[in-house]
């Protein structure tokens, strides 16, 4: 069973706007939409932060996806996305019963961001629980779903 989820997109640029202000903006790097599940822990967030900054999704000199954010001095934009835990198996209205409460989700979101900032120089964020407009140029396109649970439980 997966836990903290991160939808990761390689971008040439991305920004998040709340109201009439830019909350965060980056150039070349990764946009992370982060979802937190009930019962997730700081260990889940820590594992996923390490995974994201080490993902080898940037091209090396031979054009092969072999470089990470660390290798290219890339930037990171993290946006909270509770809808990643929207369940759509029944009916047409998603259920969010697996998503963490806003209070616990914000703590783990903040922990994830802090863990990323310990690893790379530039980490921007959206505004937790705010209505946001996310603008991005997906480079590739490259989009990956990353999970933390399987690695922590040995599955």
N, C-alpha and C. Protein backbone atom coordinates (compact mmCIF):
# COMPACT_ATOMS: atom_id res chain seq x y z
N UNK A 1 0.85 -1.18 0.00
CA UNK A 1 0.00 0.00 0.00
C UNK A 1 0.89 1.23 0.00
N UNK A 2 0.66 2.15 -0.94
CA UNK A 2 1.50 3.34 -0.99
C UNK A 2 1.03 4.38 0.02
N UNK A 3 1.95 5.28 0.37
CA UNK A 3 1.64 6.32 1.35
C UNK A 3 1.80 7.68 0.68
N UNK A 4 2.68 8.52 1.21
CA UNK A 4 2.86 9.85 0.63
C UNK A 4 3.07 9.68 -0.88
N UNK A 5 2.33 10.45 -1.64
CA UNK A 5 2.43 10.39 -3.11
C UNK A 5 2.98 11.70 -3.63
N UNK A 6 3.80 11.60 -4.65
CA UNK A 6 4.31 12.79 -5.32
C UNK A 6 4.17 12.59 -6.82
N UNK A 7 3.38 13.45 -7.45
CA UNK A 7 3.33 13.49 -8.90
C UNK A 7 4.41 14.47 -9.31
N UNK A 8 5.44 13.97 -9.99
CA UNK A 8 6.63 14.75 -10.29
C UNK A 8 6.67 15.02 -11.79
N UNK A 9 6.84 16.30 -12.13
CA UNK A 9 6.93 16.68 -13.54
C UNK A 9 8.23 17.44 -13.76
N UNK A 10 8.97 17.01 -14.79
CA UNK A 10 10.18 17.73 -15.17
C UNK A 10 9.73 18.97 -15.93
N UNK A 11 10.23 20.13 -15.52
CA UNK A 11 9.77 21.38 -16.12
C UNK A 11 10.94 22.25 -16.55
N UNK A 12 10.69 23.07 -17.56
CA UNK A 12 11.65 24.11 -17.90
C UNK A 12 11.34 25.38 -17.12
N UNK A 13 10.08 25.49 -16.65
CA UNK A 13 9.68 26.56 -15.74
C UNK A 13 8.32 26.20 -15.15
N UNK A 14 8.05 26.73 -13.96
CA UNK A 14 6.76 26.50 -13.30
C UNK A 14 6.54 27.60 -12.27
N UNK A 15 5.26 27.89 -12.04
CA UNK A 15 4.92 28.88 -11.01
C UNK A 15 3.56 28.53 -10.45
N UNK A 16 3.30 29.05 -9.26
CA UNK A 16 2.01 28.87 -8.62
C UNK A 16 1.54 30.25 -8.16
N UNK A 17 0.28 30.54 -8.48
CA UNK A 17 -0.29 31.86 -8.19
C UNK A 17 -1.48 31.69 -7.26
N UNK A 18 -1.52 32.50 -6.20
CA UNK A 18 -2.69 32.55 -5.32
C UNK A 18 -3.21 33.97 -5.36
N UNK A 19 -4.50 34.09 -5.67
CA UNK A 19 -5.06 35.43 -5.81
C UNK A 19 -4.37 36.15 -6.94
N UNK A 20 -3.73 37.26 -6.62
CA UNK A 20 -3.03 38.04 -7.65
C UNK A 20 -1.52 38.08 -7.43
N UNK A 21 -1.01 37.12 -6.62
CA UNK A 21 0.43 37.12 -6.38
C UNK A 21 1.05 35.77 -6.71
N UNK A 22 2.31 35.82 -7.13
CA UNK A 22 3.07 34.61 -7.38
C UNK A 22 3.59 34.11 -6.03
N UNK A 23 3.16 32.92 -5.64
CA UNK A 23 3.60 32.34 -4.37
C UNK A 23 4.96 31.68 -4.51
N UNK A 24 5.22 31.08 -5.67
CA UNK A 24 6.48 30.42 -5.92
C UNK A 24 6.71 30.26 -7.41
N UNK A 25 7.95 30.32 -7.83
CA UNK A 25 8.29 30.16 -9.24
C UNK A 25 9.69 29.59 -9.36
N UNK A 26 9.87 28.72 -10.35
CA UNK A 26 11.19 28.13 -10.61
C UNK A 26 11.48 28.12 -12.10
N UNK A 27 12.74 27.93 -12.41
CA UNK A 27 13.18 27.68 -13.78
C UNK A 27 13.29 26.17 -13.96
N UNK A 28 14.37 25.72 -14.55
CA UNK A 28 14.58 24.30 -14.84
C UNK A 28 14.61 23.48 -13.55
N UNK A 29 13.78 22.44 -13.52
CA UNK A 29 13.75 21.60 -12.33
C UNK A 29 12.55 20.69 -12.31
N UNK A 30 11.98 20.50 -11.11
CA UNK A 30 10.85 19.60 -10.93
C UNK A 30 9.71 20.31 -10.22
N UNK A 31 8.51 20.06 -10.70
CA UNK A 31 7.28 20.46 -10.02
C UNK A 31 6.77 19.21 -9.32
N UNK A 32 6.53 19.31 -8.01
CA UNK A 32 6.03 18.18 -7.23
C UNK A 32 4.66 18.52 -6.69
N UNK A 33 3.66 17.72 -7.07
CA UNK A 33 2.34 17.80 -6.46
C UNK A 33 2.33 16.73 -5.39
N UNK A 34 2.18 17.13 -4.13
CA UNK A 34 2.36 16.23 -2.99
C UNK A 34 1.04 15.91 -2.31
N UNK A 35 0.74 14.62 -2.19
CA UNK A 35 -0.45 14.16 -1.49
C UNK A 35 -0.07 13.37 -0.26
N UNK A 36 -0.79 13.60 0.85
CA UNK A 36 -0.50 12.93 2.11
C UNK A 36 -1.71 12.10 2.52
N UNK A 37 -1.45 10.87 2.95
CA UNK A 37 -2.50 9.92 3.33
C UNK A 37 -2.60 9.83 4.86
N UNK A 38 -3.78 9.48 5.33
CA UNK A 38 -3.96 9.24 6.78
C UNK A 38 -2.93 8.21 7.24
N UNK A 39 -2.29 8.50 8.36
CA UNK A 39 -1.32 7.56 8.92
C UNK A 39 0.10 7.73 8.41
N UNK A 40 0.32 8.64 7.47
CA UNK A 40 1.68 8.86 6.99
C UNK A 40 2.54 9.46 8.10
N UNK A 41 3.84 9.25 7.99
CA UNK A 41 4.77 9.70 9.03
C UNK A 41 5.86 10.59 8.43
N UNK A 42 6.66 11.17 9.30
CA UNK A 42 7.80 11.96 8.85
C UNK A 42 8.78 11.09 8.07
N UNK A 43 8.87 9.82 8.42
CA UNK A 43 9.76 8.91 7.68
C UNK A 43 9.32 8.78 6.23
N UNK A 44 8.00 8.75 5.99
CA UNK A 44 7.50 8.70 4.61
C UNK A 44 7.91 9.96 3.85
N UNK A 45 7.72 11.11 4.48
CA UNK A 45 8.05 12.38 3.83
C UNK A 45 9.55 12.48 3.57
N UNK A 46 10.34 12.06 4.53
CA UNK A 46 11.80 12.10 4.42
C UNK A 46 12.28 11.21 3.26
N UNK A 47 11.76 9.98 3.22
CA UNK A 47 12.13 9.06 2.15
C UNK A 47 11.80 9.65 0.78
N UNK A 48 10.59 10.20 0.67
CA UNK A 48 10.16 10.72 -0.62
C UNK A 48 10.95 11.96 -1.03
N UNK A 49 11.31 12.80 -0.08
CA UNK A 49 12.13 13.98 -0.40
C UNK A 49 13.48 13.53 -0.98
N UNK A 50 14.09 12.56 -0.34
CA UNK A 50 15.37 12.03 -0.83
C UNK A 50 15.20 11.46 -2.23
N UNK A 51 14.14 10.69 -2.44
CA UNK A 51 13.87 10.08 -3.74
C UNK A 51 13.71 11.14 -4.83
N UNK A 52 12.91 12.16 -4.55
CA UNK A 52 12.62 13.19 -5.55
C UNK A 52 13.88 13.93 -5.97
N UNK A 53 14.69 14.37 -5.03
CA UNK A 53 15.87 15.14 -5.41
C UNK A 53 16.92 14.28 -6.10
N UNK A 54 16.85 12.96 -5.92
CA UNK A 54 17.81 12.07 -6.57
C UNK A 54 17.29 11.42 -7.85
N UNK A 55 16.03 11.70 -8.22
CA UNK A 55 15.48 11.12 -9.45
C UNK A 55 16.34 11.52 -10.65
N UNK A 56 16.76 10.56 -11.42
CA UNK A 56 17.60 10.83 -12.58
C UNK A 56 16.70 10.96 -13.81
N UNK A 57 16.22 12.17 -14.03
CA UNK A 57 15.28 12.42 -15.13
C UNK A 57 15.75 13.53 -16.07
N UNK A 58 16.98 14.02 -15.87
CA UNK A 58 17.53 15.06 -16.73
C UNK A 58 18.61 14.45 -17.62
N UNK A 59 18.69 14.94 -18.84
CA UNK A 59 19.59 14.36 -19.84
C UNK A 59 21.06 14.67 -19.54
N UNK A 60 21.89 13.65 -19.75
CA UNK A 60 23.33 13.83 -19.67
C UNK A 60 23.85 14.24 -21.05
N UNK A 61 25.16 14.27 -21.22
CA UNK A 61 25.77 14.70 -22.49
C UNK A 61 25.37 13.80 -23.66
N UNK A 62 24.98 12.55 -23.37
CA UNK A 62 24.57 11.62 -24.42
C UNK A 62 23.07 11.63 -24.66
N UNK A 63 22.34 12.51 -23.96
CA UNK A 63 20.90 12.59 -24.14
C UNK A 63 20.12 11.57 -23.32
N UNK A 64 20.80 10.83 -22.47
CA UNK A 64 20.17 9.81 -21.65
C UNK A 64 19.73 10.43 -20.32
N UNK A 65 18.51 10.06 -19.85
CA UNK A 65 18.05 10.57 -18.56
C UNK A 65 18.89 9.91 -17.47
N UNK A 66 19.90 10.65 -17.03
CA UNK A 66 20.87 10.08 -16.11
C UNK A 66 21.30 11.06 -15.01
N UNK A 67 20.71 12.29 -15.02
CA UNK A 67 21.11 13.30 -14.05
C UNK A 67 19.94 13.68 -13.15
N UNK A 68 20.26 14.05 -11.92
CA UNK A 68 19.24 14.45 -10.94
C UNK A 68 19.25 15.96 -10.76
N UNK A 69 18.33 16.45 -9.93
CA UNK A 69 18.33 17.87 -9.55
C UNK A 69 19.68 18.26 -8.97
N UNK A 70 20.25 17.37 -8.17
CA UNK A 70 21.54 17.64 -7.55
C UNK A 70 22.62 17.87 -8.61
N UNK A 71 22.58 17.06 -9.66
CA UNK A 71 23.60 17.13 -10.71
C UNK A 71 23.50 18.39 -11.56
N UNK A 72 22.28 18.89 -11.74
CA UNK A 72 22.09 20.04 -12.63
C UNK A 72 21.86 21.35 -11.86
N UNK A 73 21.94 21.29 -10.54
CA UNK A 73 21.61 22.45 -9.69
C UNK A 73 20.20 22.95 -10.02
N UNK A 74 19.29 21.99 -10.16
CA UNK A 74 17.92 22.30 -10.52
C UNK A 74 17.11 22.84 -9.35
N UNK A 75 15.93 23.33 -9.68
CA UNK A 75 15.05 23.95 -8.70
C UNK A 75 13.82 23.07 -8.49
N UNK A 76 13.14 23.29 -7.37
CA UNK A 76 11.99 22.47 -7.00
C UNK A 76 10.84 23.36 -6.59
N UNK A 77 9.65 23.06 -7.10
CA UNK A 77 8.42 23.74 -6.69
C UNK A 77 7.50 22.67 -6.13
N UNK A 78 7.11 22.81 -4.85
CA UNK A 78 6.27 21.83 -4.17
C UNK A 78 4.90 22.43 -3.92
N UNK A 79 3.86 21.71 -4.36
CA UNK A 79 2.49 22.17 -4.21
C UNK A 79 1.68 21.07 -3.54
N UNK A 80 0.98 21.42 -2.47
CA UNK A 80 0.11 20.47 -1.78
C UNK A 80 -1.04 20.08 -2.69
N UNK A 81 -1.37 18.77 -2.74
CA UNK A 81 -2.40 18.28 -3.67
C UNK A 81 -3.16 17.13 -3.03
N UNK A 82 -4.10 17.43 -2.13
CA UNK A 82 -4.83 16.36 -1.45
C UNK A 82 -5.65 15.52 -2.43
N UNK A 83 -5.97 16.05 -3.60
CA UNK A 83 -6.77 15.29 -4.56
C UNK A 83 -6.02 14.09 -5.13
N UNK A 84 -4.72 13.98 -4.88
CA UNK A 84 -4.01 12.77 -5.31
C UNK A 84 -4.54 11.54 -4.59
N UNK A 85 -5.23 11.75 -3.48
CA UNK A 85 -5.88 10.65 -2.76
C UNK A 85 -7.37 10.60 -3.02
N UNK A 86 -7.82 11.20 -4.10
CA UNK A 86 -9.22 11.10 -4.49
C UNK A 86 -9.51 9.71 -5.04
N UNK A 87 -10.50 9.04 -4.46
CA UNK A 87 -10.88 7.68 -4.89
C UNK A 87 -12.05 7.79 -5.87
N UNK A 88 -11.89 7.19 -7.05
CA UNK A 88 -12.91 7.32 -8.09
C UNK A 88 -13.50 5.98 -8.51
N UNK A 89 -13.32 4.93 -7.71
CA UNK A 89 -13.83 3.61 -8.09
C UNK A 89 -15.35 3.55 -8.11
N UNK A 90 -15.98 4.26 -7.18
CA UNK A 90 -17.44 4.23 -7.09
C UNK A 90 -18.01 5.59 -7.47
N UNK A 91 -19.02 5.58 -8.32
CA UNK A 91 -19.71 6.82 -8.65
C UNK A 91 -18.85 7.81 -9.41
N UNK A 92 -19.36 9.02 -9.48
CA UNK A 92 -18.69 10.07 -10.25
C UNK A 92 -18.10 11.17 -9.40
N UNK A 93 -18.36 11.14 -8.10
CA UNK A 93 -17.81 12.14 -7.21
C UNK A 93 -16.67 11.49 -6.41
N UNK A 94 -15.46 12.04 -6.52
CA UNK A 94 -14.33 11.44 -5.79
C UNK A 94 -14.53 11.49 -4.28
N UNK A 95 -14.04 10.46 -3.62
CA UNK A 95 -14.03 10.40 -2.16
C UNK A 95 -12.61 10.69 -1.71
N UNK A 96 -12.48 11.47 -0.65
CA UNK A 96 -11.16 11.83 -0.15
C UNK A 96 -10.94 11.26 1.24
N UNK A 97 -11.58 10.16 1.55
CA UNK A 97 -11.50 9.59 2.90
C UNK A 97 -10.10 9.08 3.24
N UNK A 98 -9.28 8.76 2.24
CA UNK A 98 -7.90 8.31 2.51
C UNK A 98 -6.93 9.46 2.74
N UNK A 99 -7.32 10.66 2.33
CA UNK A 99 -6.43 11.82 2.49
C UNK A 99 -6.30 12.17 3.97
N UNK A 100 -5.12 12.65 4.33
CA UNK A 100 -4.87 13.06 5.72
C UNK A 100 -5.70 14.30 6.04
N UNK A 101 -5.94 14.51 7.32
CA UNK A 101 -6.62 15.74 7.75
C UNK A 101 -5.73 16.92 7.38
N UNK A 102 -6.31 18.09 7.19
CA UNK A 102 -5.48 19.25 6.84
C UNK A 102 -4.35 19.51 7.84
N UNK A 103 -4.61 19.33 9.12
CA UNK A 103 -3.59 19.59 10.13
C UNK A 103 -2.40 18.65 9.99
N UNK A 104 -2.66 17.35 9.89
CA UNK A 104 -1.54 16.40 9.77
C UNK A 104 -0.89 16.49 8.39
N UNK A 105 -1.67 16.76 7.35
CA UNK A 105 -1.10 16.90 6.01
C UNK A 105 -0.15 18.10 5.94
N UNK A 106 -0.53 19.20 6.58
CA UNK A 106 0.33 20.38 6.54
C UNK A 106 1.66 20.12 7.25
N UNK A 107 1.61 19.40 8.37
CA UNK A 107 2.85 19.08 9.08
C UNK A 107 3.79 18.25 8.21
N UNK A 108 3.24 17.26 7.50
CA UNK A 108 4.10 16.41 6.66
C UNK A 108 4.54 17.13 5.39
N UNK A 109 3.67 17.98 4.86
CA UNK A 109 4.04 18.82 3.71
C UNK A 109 5.23 19.70 4.11
N UNK A 110 5.13 20.36 5.26
CA UNK A 110 6.22 21.20 5.73
C UNK A 110 7.49 20.39 5.97
N UNK A 111 7.34 19.18 6.50
CA UNK A 111 8.50 18.32 6.73
C UNK A 111 9.16 17.92 5.40
N UNK A 112 8.34 17.59 4.42
CA UNK A 112 8.85 17.25 3.09
C UNK A 112 9.64 18.43 2.51
N UNK A 113 9.07 19.63 2.59
CA UNK A 113 9.74 20.82 2.06
C UNK A 113 11.07 21.05 2.79
N UNK A 114 11.05 20.94 4.11
CA UNK A 114 12.27 21.12 4.90
C UNK A 114 13.33 20.10 4.50
N UNK A 115 12.92 18.84 4.32
CA UNK A 115 13.85 17.78 3.93
C UNK A 115 14.44 18.06 2.55
N UNK A 116 13.64 18.60 1.64
CA UNK A 116 14.15 18.97 0.31
C UNK A 116 15.14 20.11 0.41
N UNK A 117 14.82 21.11 1.25
CA UNK A 117 15.71 22.27 1.41
C UNK A 117 17.06 21.89 2.02
N UNK A 118 17.11 20.79 2.74
CA UNK A 118 18.38 20.32 3.29
C UNK A 118 19.25 19.69 2.21
N UNK A 119 18.64 19.36 1.07
CA UNK A 119 19.35 18.66 0.01
C UNK A 119 19.67 19.52 -1.21
N UNK A 120 18.82 20.48 -1.51
CA UNK A 120 19.05 21.34 -2.68
C UNK A 120 18.87 22.80 -2.29
N UNK A 121 19.45 23.67 -3.09
CA UNK A 121 19.50 25.09 -2.75
C UNK A 121 18.16 25.80 -2.89
N UNK A 122 17.43 25.57 -3.98
CA UNK A 122 16.23 26.37 -4.24
C UNK A 122 14.98 25.51 -4.23
N UNK A 123 14.14 25.73 -3.23
CA UNK A 123 12.85 25.05 -3.12
C UNK A 123 11.79 26.13 -2.90
N UNK A 124 10.84 26.19 -3.81
CA UNK A 124 9.72 27.12 -3.72
C UNK A 124 8.47 26.31 -3.38
N UNK A 125 7.45 26.99 -2.89
CA UNK A 125 6.21 26.29 -2.52
C UNK A 125 4.99 27.08 -2.96
N UNK A 126 3.86 26.36 -2.95
CA UNK A 126 2.57 26.99 -3.07
C UNK A 126 2.13 27.42 -1.68
N UNK A 127 0.83 27.66 -1.52
CA UNK A 127 0.28 28.04 -0.23
C UNK A 127 -0.67 26.93 0.20
N UNK A 128 -0.36 26.30 1.33
CA UNK A 128 -1.14 25.15 1.79
C UNK A 128 -2.62 25.53 1.93
N UNK A 129 -3.50 24.71 1.41
CA UNK A 129 -4.96 24.82 1.45
C UNK A 129 -5.53 26.03 0.70
N UNK A 130 -4.72 26.71 -0.06
CA UNK A 130 -5.22 27.85 -0.83
C UNK A 130 -5.65 27.38 -2.22
N UNK A 131 -6.54 28.13 -2.83
CA UNK A 131 -6.85 27.90 -4.25
C UNK A 131 -5.68 28.47 -5.04
N UNK A 132 -5.09 27.63 -5.89
CA UNK A 132 -3.90 28.05 -6.62
C UNK A 132 -4.06 27.76 -8.11
N UNK A 133 -3.42 28.57 -8.90
CA UNK A 133 -3.27 28.31 -10.33
C UNK A 133 -1.82 27.93 -10.55
N UNK A 134 -1.62 26.73 -11.08
CA UNK A 134 -0.28 26.23 -11.32
C UNK A 134 0.01 26.34 -12.82
N UNK A 135 1.09 27.00 -13.14
CA UNK A 135 1.52 27.16 -14.53
C UNK A 135 2.83 26.41 -14.70
N UNK A 136 2.93 25.64 -15.78
CA UNK A 136 4.16 24.89 -16.00
C UNK A 136 4.39 24.64 -17.47
N UNK A 137 5.65 24.46 -17.78
CA UNK A 137 6.05 23.97 -19.09
C UNK A 137 6.70 22.62 -18.81
N UNK A 138 5.96 21.54 -19.09
CA UNK A 138 6.45 20.19 -18.84
C UNK A 138 7.47 19.87 -19.92
N UNK A 139 8.67 19.60 -19.51
CA UNK A 139 9.79 19.34 -20.41
C UNK A 139 9.86 17.87 -20.74
N UNK A 140 9.50 17.51 -21.96
CA UNK A 140 9.58 16.12 -22.39
C UNK A 140 8.40 15.67 -23.22
N UNK A 141 7.27 15.47 -22.66
CA UNK A 141 6.92 15.58 -21.24
C UNK A 141 7.45 14.40 -20.42
N UNK A 142 7.83 14.72 -19.20
CA UNK A 142 8.24 13.70 -18.24
C UNK A 142 7.38 13.89 -17.00
N UNK A 143 6.59 12.86 -16.66
CA UNK A 143 5.74 12.88 -15.48
C UNK A 143 5.81 11.52 -14.82
N UNK A 144 6.11 11.51 -13.51
CA UNK A 144 6.24 10.25 -12.76
C UNK A 144 5.45 10.32 -11.47
N UNK A 145 4.90 9.18 -11.05
CA UNK A 145 4.25 9.08 -9.74
C UNK A 145 5.22 8.35 -8.82
N UNK A 146 5.56 8.99 -7.71
CA UNK A 146 6.48 8.40 -6.73
C UNK A 146 5.73 8.13 -5.43
N UNK A 147 6.08 7.03 -4.77
CA UNK A 147 5.44 6.62 -3.53
C UNK A 147 6.51 6.36 -2.48
N UNK A 148 6.11 6.41 -1.21
CA UNK A 148 7.08 6.13 -0.15
C UNK A 148 6.85 4.80 0.55
N UNK A 149 5.65 4.33 0.66
CA UNK A 149 5.30 3.18 1.53
C UNK A 149 6.05 1.90 1.20
N UNK A 150 6.11 1.51 -0.04
CA UNK A 150 6.71 0.22 -0.39
C UNK A 150 8.15 0.13 0.11
N UNK A 151 8.91 1.21 0.00
CA UNK A 151 10.30 1.19 0.44
C UNK A 151 10.43 1.11 1.96
N UNK A 152 9.48 1.69 2.67
CA UNK A 152 9.57 1.71 4.13
C UNK A 152 9.12 0.40 4.75
N UNK A 153 8.27 -0.35 4.04
CA UNK A 153 7.78 -1.59 4.59
C UNK A 153 8.45 -2.81 3.98
N UNK A 154 9.31 -2.59 2.97
CA UNK A 154 10.01 -3.68 2.32
C UNK A 154 9.20 -4.39 1.26
N UNK A 155 8.06 -3.82 0.83
CA UNK A 155 7.23 -4.45 -0.21
C UNK A 155 7.87 -4.27 -1.56
